[in-house]
Amino acid sequence: MVTLKQIEEKYDFSFPEYFKRLWDDGMLNYMRGFDEGLKEGETWVNTVYPTLQENPPALLHSGEAQLTLLAPEAILNFQTPEFWDIETHRFIPFAKTLEGNYYAFYDNVKVDGEAPIVEIWDEMDDAEYYAKNFEDFIFRQMVESAEDIDKDDLKADYNGDVSAYIADVERDIKSITPYLKAEYIKVLKEIYSREPEEGTLAYSLISMREAEEIVEEYLDFELLGESFSHER
């Protein structure tokens, strides 16, 4: 089983204590309880997911753009795209979206003593400062996921029932409560208690503008939203 120490040694990087706490508590592990792998005939959906649903790891249901936290093996053995300029930029990727974007710690810079989080855009020479730390990353993801609840995803995963999805996100909020600031939890509970508004392709609990205002109010730092070239 891959350890966090192995990953730190590979990247010559020390993860912040907050990240380590979540890691040690299984809050970043989508295979929690099945670290030795699945048996023949078992699948993540049918075997692992039912054991996680009531006490889900971080962002299991509430990651924006179907975000997935990378498994320890995937972080350790990450195949850096050949066009990334890793001689200049020190990225430690930890998550990927369905659209192909990566989120990573950016060890070239420190904000309040920690490496900030950047979003590395797929097929674009663009990396954008997303959050100043991992706690703010989780909060922003959960806020922004309420803005666009895709109907096709709901149909595939919840038989189209948006209330069932919201119930799962409420479980996400409950499980992450010990790890997030009280003011962040208060904001999330208020957002997910709202009546969803139905659009043509998606439901929403919050407008894009309101999400931006929340990010600006709670997560603002000097580099937020700035971007830089990361390719050779």
Protein backbone atom coordinates (compact mmCIF):
# COMPACT_ATOMS: atom_id res chain seq x y z
CA MET A 1 0.00 0.00 0.00
CA VAL A 2 1.34 3.42 -0.97
CA THR A 3 2.08 5.71 1.96
CA LEU A 4 2.05 9.48 2.11
CA LYS A 5 5.73 9.37 3.07
CA GLN A 6 6.53 7.63 -0.23
CA ILE A 7 4.74 10.37 -2.14
CA GLU A 8 6.51 13.09 -0.16
CA GLU A 9 9.88 11.50 -0.88
CA LYS A 10 9.16 11.21 -4.60
CA TYR A 11 8.15 14.85 -4.95
CA ASP A 12 10.50 16.17 -2.26
CA PHE A 13 7.45 17.85 -0.80
CA SER A 14 5.93 18.00 2.67
CA PHE A 15 2.14 17.99 2.65
CA PRO A 16 0.46 20.45 5.04
CA GLU A 17 -0.75 19.10 8.38
CA TYR A 18 -4.37 19.65 7.36
CA PHE A 19 -3.96 17.38 4.32
CA LYS A 20 -2.17 14.78 6.43
CA ARG A 21 -5.00 14.75 8.96
CA LEU A 22 -7.58 14.09 6.25
CA TRP A 23 -5.33 11.42 4.73
CA ASP A 24 -4.81 9.64 8.06
CA ASP A 25 -8.56 9.69 8.78
CA GLY A 26 -9.43 8.12 5.40
CA MET A 27 -11.12 11.28 4.19
CA LEU A 28 -9.15 11.34 0.93
CA ASN A 29 -9.52 7.65 0.17
CA TYR A 30 -12.27 6.55 -2.23
CA MET A 31 -11.18 2.93 -1.67
CA ARG A 32 -11.43 3.16 2.12
CA GLY A 33 -11.64 -0.35 3.51
CA PHE A 34 -10.68 -1.94 0.19
CA ASP A 35 -7.06 -0.84 -0.07
CA GLU A 36 -5.95 -4.33 -1.08
CA GLY A 37 -8.13 -4.15 -4.19
CA LEU A 38 -11.36 -5.75 -5.32
CA LYS A 39 -12.06 -9.42 -5.83
CA GLU A 40 -13.17 -10.86 -9.14
CA GLY A 41 -16.70 -9.74 -9.97
CA GLU A 42 -16.63 -6.84 -7.55
CA THR A 43 -16.95 -3.24 -8.73
CA TRP A 44 -16.43 0.10 -7.02
CA VAL A 45 -20.08 1.08 -7.53
CA ASN A 46 -21.56 -2.13 -6.16
CA THR A 47 -18.96 -3.09 -3.56
CA VAL A 48 -17.13 -0.01 -2.26
CA TYR A 49 -19.58 2.85 -2.69
CA PRO A 50 -22.32 1.44 -0.43
CA THR A 51 -19.80 1.37 2.45
CA LEU A 52 -18.86 5.02 1.89
CA GLN A 53 -22.23 6.64 1.32
CA GLU A 54 -23.18 7.32 4.95
CA ASN A 55 -19.78 8.70 5.94
CA PRO A 56 -18.28 9.80 2.63
CA PRO A 57 -14.72 10.91 2.06
CA ALA A 58 -14.19 14.51 1.00
CA LEU A 59 -16.00 15.61 -2.17
CA LEU A 60 -17.37 12.16 -2.96
CA HIS A 61 -20.63 13.64 -4.22
CA SER A 62 -19.86 17.36 -4.22
CA GLY A 63 -16.83 17.79 -6.46
CA GLU A 64 -17.35 20.34 -9.22
CA ALA A 65 -17.21 19.01 -12.82
CA GLN A 66 -17.19 15.43 -11.50
CA LEU A 67 -13.91 15.85 -9.71
CA THR A 68 -12.12 12.73 -8.49
CA LEU A 69 -9.36 12.66 -5.92
CA LEU A 70 -6.44 10.64 -7.26
CA ALA A 71 -5.70 7.36 -5.54
CA PRO A 72 -2.36 7.16 -3.69
CA GLU A 73 -0.94 4.92 -6.41
CA ALA A 74 -2.01 7.42 -9.08
CA ILE A 75 -0.29 10.29 -7.26
CA LEU A 76 2.90 8.30 -6.72
CA ASN A 77 3.02 7.02 -10.31
CA PHE A 78 1.62 10.14 -11.97
CA GLN A 79 2.65 10.33 -15.62
CA THR A 80 3.43 13.98 -16.19
CA PRO A 81 2.24 15.15 -19.62
CA GLU A 82 5.29 15.62 -21.81
CA PHE A 83 4.44 19.25 -22.53
CA TRP A 84 4.46 20.32 -18.85
CA ASP A 85 7.56 22.28 -17.94
CA ILE A 86 8.50 20.39 -14.79
CA GLU A 87 12.01 21.82 -14.77
CA THR A 88 10.47 25.20 -13.96
CA HIS A 89 7.21 24.28 -12.20
CA ARG A 90 6.84 21.95 -9.22
CA PHE A 91 3.32 20.47 -9.31
CA ILE A 92 2.03 17.77 -6.97
CA PRO A 93 -1.27 16.66 -8.60
CA PHE A 94 -3.98 15.23 -6.35
CA ALA A 95 -7.26 15.47 -8.30
CA LYS A 96 -8.66 15.40 -11.83
CA THR A 97 -11.94 16.53 -13.36
CA LEU A 98 -13.98 14.70 -15.96
CA GLU A 99 -12.97 17.47 -18.37
CA GLY A 100 -9.32 16.53 -17.96
CA ASN A 101 -8.16 19.39 -15.74
CA TYR A 102 -5.82 18.65 -12.84
CA TYR A 103 -5.62 20.24 -9.40
CA ALA A 104 -2.21 20.33 -7.80
CA PHE A 105 -0.19 21.83 -5.01
CA TYR A 106 2.16 24.41 -6.56
CA ASP A 107 5.42 24.27 -4.66
CA ASN A 108 7.02 27.23 -6.42
CA VAL A 109 5.00 29.63 -4.30
CA LYS A 110 4.03 29.88 -0.64
CA VAL A 111 0.90 31.59 0.72
CA ASP A 112 0.89 31.87 4.50
CA GLY A 113 3.64 29.28 4.53
CA GLU A 114 1.83 26.70 2.37
CA ALA A 115 1.86 25.72 -1.29
CA PRO A 116 -1.36 27.02 -2.89
CA ILE A 117 -3.68 24.99 -5.10
CA VAL A 118 -3.70 25.57 -8.87
CA GLU A 119 -5.99 24.28 -11.59
CA ILE A 120 -4.06 23.06 -14.62
CA TRP A 121 -6.29 23.33 -17.66
CA ASP A 122 -6.41 20.50 -20.18
CA GLU A 123 -5.21 21.35 -23.70
CA MET A 124 -4.40 24.92 -22.62
CA ASP A 125 -1.10 26.43 -21.58
CA ASP A 126 -2.77 27.84 -18.51
CA ALA A 127 -2.52 27.12 -14.79
CA GLU A 128 -4.74 29.21 -12.50
CA TYR A 129 -4.46 29.89 -8.78
CA TYR A 130 -7.59 28.29 -7.31
CA ALA A 131 -7.21 28.29 -3.50
CA LYS A 132 -4.59 29.29 -0.98
CA ASN A 133 -4.79 25.97 0.88
CA PHE A 134 -6.48 22.58 0.86
CA GLU A 135 -9.28 23.54 3.24
CA ASP A 136 -10.28 26.42 0.97
CA PHE A 137 -10.07 24.07 -2.01
CA ILE A 138 -12.64 21.73 -0.48
CA PHE A 139 -14.97 24.59 0.44
CA ARG A 140 -14.78 26.19 -3.01
CA GLN A 141 -15.45 22.86 -4.71
CA MET A 142 -18.56 22.31 -2.62
CA VAL A 143 -19.84 25.82 -3.28
CA GLU A 144 -19.27 25.67 -7.03
CA SER A 145 -20.79 22.20 -7.42
CA ALA A 146 -24.14 23.69 -6.34
CA GLU A 147 -24.17 26.00 -9.35
CA ASP A 148 -24.46 23.34 -12.07
CA ILE A 149 -26.12 20.02 -11.16
CA ASP A 150 -26.13 18.28 -14.51
CA LYS A 151 -29.37 16.54 -15.47
CA ASP A 152 -27.63 13.81 -17.44
CA ASP A 153 -25.51 12.95 -14.41
CA LEU A 154 -28.62 12.93 -12.22
CA LYS A 155 -30.36 10.61 -14.66
CA ALA A 156 -27.41 8.21 -14.66
CA ASP A 157 -26.74 8.23 -10.93
CA TYR A 158 -30.05 9.17 -9.28
CA ASN A 159 -32.75 8.31 -11.78
CA GLY A 160 -33.16 12.06 -12.30
CA ASP A 161 -33.99 12.76 -8.65
CA VAL A 162 -32.20 15.97 -7.64
CA SER A 163 -33.37 15.65 -4.04
CA ALA A 164 -31.54 12.30 -3.73
CA TYR A 165 -28.36 13.98 -4.93
CA ILE A 166 -28.76 16.82 -2.44
CA ALA A 167 -29.26 14.27 0.35
CA ASP A 168 -25.90 12.71 -0.56
CA VAL A 169 -24.20 16.11 -0.56
CA GLU A 170 -25.68 16.75 2.88
CA ARG A 171 -23.89 13.55 3.96
CA ASP A 172 -20.69 15.02 2.48
CA ILE A 173 -21.23 18.14 4.57
CA LYS A 174 -21.83 16.11 7.73
CA SER A 175 -18.68 14.00 7.26
CA ILE A 176 -16.45 17.00 6.46
CA THR A 177 -17.82 19.14 9.31
CA PRO A 178 -15.04 18.24 11.79
CA TYR A 179 -12.46 19.38 9.24
CA LEU A 180 -13.87 22.67 7.93
CA LYS A 181 -14.22 26.06 9.57
CA ALA A 182 -17.61 26.57 11.21
CA GLU A 183 -18.33 29.55 8.97
CA TYR A 184 -17.72 27.40 5.89
CA ILE A 185 -20.10 24.72 7.14
CA LYS A 186 -22.74 27.36 7.85
CA VAL A 187 -22.51 28.64 4.26
CA LEU A 188 -22.70 25.14 2.78
CA LYS A 189 -25.69 24.11 4.89
CA GLU A 190 -27.57 27.26 3.84
CA ILE A 191 -26.84 26.69 0.13
CA TYR A 192 -27.88 23.04 0.14
CA SER A 193 -31.07 23.75 2.07
CA ARG A 194 -32.41 25.80 -0.83
CA GLU A 195 -35.04 24.72 -3.32
CA PRO A 196 -33.27 23.79 -6.57
CA GLU A 197 -34.03 25.89 -9.64
CA GLU A 198 -34.51 23.87 -12.81
CA GLY A 199 -32.85 24.91 -16.06
CA THR A 200 -32.77 23.29 -19.48
CA LEU A 201 -29.68 21.17 -18.83
CA ALA A 202 -29.11 21.47 -15.10
CA TYR A 203 -30.47 22.37 -11.70
CA SER A 204 -28.84 25.02 -9.55
CA LEU A 205 -28.92 26.02 -5.90
CA ILE A 206 -26.77 29.08 -6.39
CA SER A 207 -26.02 31.45 -9.25
CA MET A 208 -22.58 31.72 -10.79
CA ARG A 209 -22.40 35.31 -9.60
CA GLU A 210 -23.23 34.38 -6.00
CA ALA A 211 -20.64 31.61 -6.07
CA GLU A 212 -18.06 34.13 -7.26
CA GLU A 213 -19.05 36.53 -4.48
CA ILE A 214 -18.64 33.79 -1.84
CA VAL A 215 -15.20 32.91 -3.19
CA GLU A 216 -14.21 36.56 -3.14
CA GLU A 217 -15.55 37.11 0.39
CA TYR A 218 -14.12 34.03 2.09
CA LEU A 219 -11.20 32.81 -0.02
CA ASP A 220 -9.63 35.92 -1.50
CA PHE A 221 -5.83 36.15 -1.58
CA GLU A 222 -3.41 38.13 -3.70
CA LEU A 223 -2.91 35.51 -6.43
CA LEU A 224 -6.49 34.21 -6.65
CA GLY A 225 -7.61 33.92 -10.28
CA GLU A 226 -4.21 34.79 -11.72
CA SER A 227 -2.79 32.36 -14.25
CA PHE A 228 0.57 31.48 -15.74
CA SER A 229 2.08 29.44 -18.56
CA HIS A 230 3.19 25.98 -17.49
CA GLU A 231 4.22 24.34 -20.76
CA ARG A 232 7.66 23.97 -22.32
